[in-house]
Amino acid sequence: MSDRTFEWSVIALTMAALIWMVLGVMLHILGTPWVIITGLIVWLVGSGALLYYWGKDYMSRM
């Protein structure tokens, strides 16, 4: 995974999590705390996975 791909993937994931949290609160999809908690969990796990694969690829280039 290139640096640029990693950068845009994290940006897209962050935007998706923020949109989920805002729309979830506005549309009362779940309770407000649950919408925020699930958004943060998805963002943390997704970012961790992206960082893992980017780091793995980065180290293989050295």
Foldseek 3Di string as FASTA:
>chain_A
DDPVVLVVQLVVLLVVLVVQLVVCPVVVVDPNVVSNVVSVVSSVVSNVVSVVVVVVVVVVVD
